[in-house]
Amino acid sequence: MHDRNMILAIWNHEIALEKIISEVTRPGVCPNVRTQPDFDLNRYLGQWYESEKFFFTPEVGLRCNSALYTLNRNGAVSVVNSGIEARTGMVRSVTGTAISTSAIEPGRLVVTFTPFTPPGQYWVLDTDYESYSVVYSCRQDDFQKIESAFILTRARAGLPAAIRIQLYSKLLASGINAYDFIPTDQTSCPVPSPFLPPPLAIPGVQIIPPASEIFV
């Protein structure tokens, strides 16, 4: 038990360090952005696939990344982020909770994954609920801004080029460098099997044996 607790402490410490260095950092001031007007959380719930992102250390070596949002009884959002390790084929997932921090801007949420890591900002800048969502966050560190951003899609295949160009244009007009986006590999992704054994009982972090050989 002592060894297991030590491993968990080291693991959570590494996750915290990853979070610090995981985002895009550059000189400047965070842009004053507005989130999606009249954001409708109920329409936003469900399955999303990661199409593009700013460099994000915790996802290095992962493919087929996705996010599942469901509503808890207390009104908070349950978050399950999943991906497959390209090298091993193992499914990695992390669970957390998101809550809105503004009645005026309900699209500003805070996500917490473990008690050992600080909450992360989750700002829904733009979504049509049915095909895409643009998620962004920025925090100021003296004369530097630290940014993260994701483009999520309802379809694993992603978005048509015309829509991507429109989203890029909106971001650039808001002072966000859309050219920092990196595409996420969503090819030959397995469908999670209902017969997978239960995940390891590690708070906040789950590693599941190799996914089913059913592909989409």
Protein backbone atom coordinates (compact mmCIF):
# COMPACT_ATOMS: atom_id res chain seq x y z
CA MET A 1 0.00 0.00 0.00
CA HIS A 2 2.85 2.37 0.82
CA ASP A 3 4.45 1.75 -2.58
CA ARG A 4 1.12 2.32 -4.35
CA ASN A 5 0.58 5.63 -2.54
CA MET A 6 4.08 6.74 -3.44
CA ILE A 7 3.50 5.87 -7.10
CA LEU A 8 0.23 7.83 -7.08
CA ALA A 9 1.92 10.84 -5.47
CA ILE A 10 4.68 10.82 -8.10
CA TRP A 11 2.13 10.35 -10.88
CA ASN A 12 -0.03 13.24 -9.73
CA HIS A 13 3.06 15.44 -9.29
CA GLU A 14 4.07 14.69 -12.88
CA ILE A 15 0.57 15.51 -14.09
CA ALA A 16 0.74 18.88 -12.30
CA LEU A 17 4.12 19.62 -13.90
CA GLU A 18 2.76 18.64 -17.30
CA LYS A 19 -0.09 21.08 -16.87
CA ILE A 20 2.34 23.93 -16.20
CA ILE A 21 4.38 23.32 -19.37
CA SER A 22 1.63 21.94 -21.56
CA GLU A 23 0.26 25.08 -23.17
CA VAL A 24 1.47 27.65 -25.69
CA THR A 25 3.40 30.46 -23.99
CA ARG A 26 4.39 33.70 -25.68
CA PRO A 27 4.92 37.36 -24.78
CA GLY A 28 1.77 39.42 -24.70
CA VAL A 29 -1.54 40.01 -22.97
CA CYS A 30 -4.48 37.60 -22.96
CA PRO A 31 -7.14 38.73 -25.43
CA ASN A 32 -10.46 39.96 -24.08
CA VAL A 33 -12.71 37.26 -25.52
CA ARG A 34 -16.43 36.63 -25.22
CA THR A 35 -17.88 33.16 -24.96
CA GLN A 36 -20.76 31.74 -26.97
CA PRO A 37 -23.82 34.01 -26.55
CA ASP A 38 -26.69 32.31 -24.70
CA PHE A 39 -24.64 29.15 -24.25
CA ASP A 40 -26.95 26.14 -23.88
CA LEU A 41 -25.27 23.48 -21.76
CA ASN A 42 -27.92 20.83 -22.42
CA ARG A 43 -27.36 21.06 -26.17
CA TYR A 44 -23.62 20.91 -25.63
CA LEU A 45 -23.62 17.63 -23.71
CA GLY A 46 -22.67 14.37 -25.37
CA GLN A 47 -19.78 13.01 -27.40
CA TRP A 48 -17.14 15.25 -28.99
CA TYR A 49 -14.02 14.34 -30.95
CA GLU A 50 -10.83 16.36 -30.86
CA SER A 51 -10.06 17.67 -34.34
CA GLU A 52 -7.25 20.16 -33.59
CA LYS A 53 -5.47 21.60 -30.58
CA PHE A 54 -2.64 23.83 -29.44
CA PHE A 55 0.35 21.81 -28.26
CA PHE A 56 -0.73 19.94 -25.13
CA THR A 57 1.85 17.85 -23.28
CA PRO A 58 -0.54 15.37 -21.56
CA GLU A 59 -1.75 14.28 -25.00
CA VAL A 60 1.66 13.70 -26.59
CA GLY A 61 1.66 10.21 -28.09
CA LEU A 62 -2.14 9.93 -28.00
CA ARG A 63 -4.51 9.57 -30.94
CA CYS A 64 -8.26 9.16 -31.38
CA ASN A 65 -8.85 11.71 -28.59
CA SER A 66 -12.43 12.33 -27.52
CA ALA A 67 -14.48 13.94 -24.76
CA LEU A 68 -17.78 12.86 -23.27
CA TYR A 69 -19.87 15.36 -21.29
CA THR A 70 -22.85 14.28 -19.19
CA LEU A 71 -24.88 16.09 -16.55
CA ASN A 72 -24.62 15.08 -12.89
CA ARG A 73 -27.56 15.26 -10.52
CA ASN A 74 -26.03 18.29 -8.80
CA GLY A 75 -25.95 20.23 -12.06
CA ALA A 76 -22.20 19.87 -12.62
CA VAL A 77 -20.86 18.32 -15.80
CA SER A 78 -19.07 14.99 -15.73
CA VAL A 79 -16.06 15.04 -18.08
CA VAL A 80 -14.37 11.96 -19.51
CA ASN A 81 -11.41 12.65 -21.81
CA SER A 82 -10.04 9.61 -23.63
CA GLY A 83 -7.30 8.77 -26.09
CA ILE A 84 -5.29 5.81 -27.34
CA GLU A 85 -1.56 5.49 -26.85
CA ALA A 86 -0.18 5.20 -30.38
CA ARG A 87 2.72 3.03 -29.25
CA THR A 88 0.89 0.49 -27.09
CA GLY A 89 -2.75 0.67 -28.18
CA MET A 90 -3.80 1.20 -24.57
CA VAL A 91 -6.79 3.43 -23.86
CA ARG A 92 -6.02 6.31 -21.49
CA SER A 93 -8.82 8.28 -19.90
CA VAL A 94 -9.14 10.93 -17.25
CA THR A 95 -12.35 11.89 -15.47
CA GLY A 96 -13.26 15.25 -14.05
CA THR A 97 -16.00 17.73 -13.27
CA ALA A 98 -16.87 21.04 -14.93
CA ILE A 99 -18.98 23.89 -13.58
CA SER A 100 -19.97 27.23 -15.03
CA THR A 101 -18.39 30.21 -13.28
CA SER A 102 -20.55 33.01 -14.67
CA ALA A 103 -24.32 33.46 -14.83
CA ILE A 104 -23.77 36.19 -17.42
CA GLU A 105 -21.44 34.02 -19.51
CA PRO A 106 -22.42 30.38 -18.88
CA GLY A 107 -19.92 29.31 -21.54
CA ARG A 108 -17.09 30.05 -19.09
CA LEU A 109 -16.45 26.83 -17.21
CA VAL A 110 -13.81 25.49 -14.85
CA VAL A 111 -12.72 21.85 -15.08
CA THR A 112 -11.16 19.91 -12.20
CA PHE A 113 -9.62 16.47 -12.76
CA THR A 114 -7.83 15.58 -9.52
CA PRO A 115 -7.39 17.18 -6.09
CA PHE A 116 -3.67 17.38 -6.86
CA THR A 117 -3.90 19.65 -9.92
CA PRO A 118 -5.24 23.20 -10.24
CA PRO A 119 -8.56 23.72 -12.06
CA GLY A 120 -8.39 24.47 -15.77
CA GLN A 121 -10.36 27.11 -17.66
CA TYR A 122 -12.76 25.91 -20.37
CA TRP A 123 -14.23 28.75 -22.41
CA VAL A 124 -16.61 27.85 -25.23
CA LEU A 125 -16.00 30.66 -27.71
CA ASP A 126 -18.08 29.33 -30.58
CA THR A 127 -20.29 26.31 -31.20
CA ASP A 128 -23.24 25.30 -33.32
CA TYR A 129 -23.79 22.33 -30.95
CA GLU A 130 -24.26 19.95 -33.89
CA SER A 131 -20.89 19.94 -35.65
CA TYR A 132 -18.16 22.01 -33.96
CA SER A 133 -16.99 23.72 -30.78
CA VAL A 134 -14.06 26.09 -30.24
CA VAL A 135 -12.65 25.90 -26.71
CA TYR A 136 -10.03 28.34 -25.45
CA SER A 137 -8.35 29.49 -22.27
CA CYS A 138 -5.66 32.02 -21.42
CA ARG A 139 -3.97 33.06 -18.22
CA GLN A 140 -1.55 35.89 -17.64
CA ASP A 141 1.91 35.28 -16.18
CA ASP A 142 3.65 38.64 -15.85
CA PHE A 143 4.44 39.68 -19.42
CA GLN A 144 3.52 36.33 -20.94
CA LYS A 145 0.21 34.78 -21.89
CA ILE A 146 -0.33 31.03 -21.56
CA GLU A 147 -2.93 29.70 -23.99
CA SER A 148 -4.67 26.45 -24.77
CA ALA A 149 -7.26 25.82 -27.47
CA PHE A 150 -9.16 22.94 -29.01
CA ILE A 151 -11.50 22.48 -31.95
CA LEU A 152 -13.96 19.71 -31.16
CA THR A 153 -16.33 18.06 -33.62
CA ARG A 154 -19.36 15.82 -33.33
CA ALA A 155 -18.09 13.70 -36.24
CA ARG A 156 -14.74 11.97 -35.94
CA ALA A 157 -14.01 12.88 -39.56
CA GLY A 158 -13.68 16.56 -38.62
CA LEU A 159 -14.90 19.64 -40.47
CA PRO A 160 -15.00 20.79 -44.09
CA ALA A 161 -12.18 23.15 -45.02
CA ALA A 162 -14.59 26.06 -45.52
CA ILE A 163 -15.84 25.87 -41.92
CA ARG A 164 -12.32 25.52 -40.56
CA ILE A 165 -11.29 28.67 -42.44
CA GLN A 166 -14.26 30.54 -40.95
CA LEU A 167 -13.31 29.44 -37.44
CA TYR A 168 -9.68 30.40 -37.98
CA SER A 169 -10.74 33.83 -39.22
CA LYS A 170 -12.89 34.43 -36.12
CA LEU A 171 -10.04 33.43 -33.82
CA LEU A 172 -7.51 35.62 -35.60
CA ALA A 173 -9.93 38.56 -35.39
CA SER A 174 -10.15 37.94 -31.62
CA GLY A 175 -6.38 38.06 -31.20
CA ILE A 176 -5.86 34.28 -31.03
CA ASN A 177 -3.19 32.76 -33.28
CA ALA A 178 -5.13 30.01 -35.04
CA TYR A 179 -1.96 28.89 -36.82
CA ASP A 180 -0.87 27.20 -33.59
CA PHE A 181 -3.42 24.44 -34.14
CA ILE A 182 -2.10 20.92 -34.63
CA PRO A 183 -4.38 18.27 -36.19
CA THR A 184 -5.31 15.27 -34.05
CA ASP A 185 -4.97 11.81 -35.59
CA GLN A 186 -8.49 10.39 -35.81
CA THR A 187 -7.82 7.66 -38.39
CA SER A 188 -8.52 3.94 -37.84
CA CYS A 189 -9.88 4.59 -34.37
CA PRO A 190 -11.39 1.64 -32.46
CA VAL A 191 -14.87 1.79 -31.08
CA PRO A 192 -14.81 1.21 -27.29
CA SER A 193 -15.98 -2.31 -26.58
CA PRO A 194 -18.74 -2.86 -23.98
CA PHE A 195 -16.86 -5.98 -22.87
CA LEU A 196 -13.72 -4.24 -21.71
CA PRO A 197 -12.66 -5.14 -18.16
CA PRO A 198 -13.14 -2.41 -15.52
CA PRO A 199 -10.43 0.27 -15.38
CA LEU A 200 -7.76 0.39 -12.70
CA ALA A 201 -8.95 2.10 -9.52
CA ILE A 202 -6.63 5.11 -9.67
CA PRO A 203 -8.30 8.42 -8.75
CA GLY A 204 -8.80 10.64 -11.77
CA VAL A 205 -6.69 8.53 -14.13
CA GLN A 206 -7.68 5.31 -15.84
CA ILE A 207 -5.67 3.02 -18.09
CA ILE A 208 -7.75 0.39 -19.85
CA PRO A 209 -6.42 -2.65 -21.74
CA PRO A 210 -6.17 -2.42 -25.58
CA ALA A 211 -9.35 -1.32 -27.28
CA SER A 212 -11.59 -3.51 -29.38
CA GLU A 213 -10.46 -4.22 -32.94
CA ILE A 214 -13.62 -2.63 -34.33
CA PHE A 215 -12.70 0.45 -36.33
CA VAL A 216 -14.56 3.50 -37.62
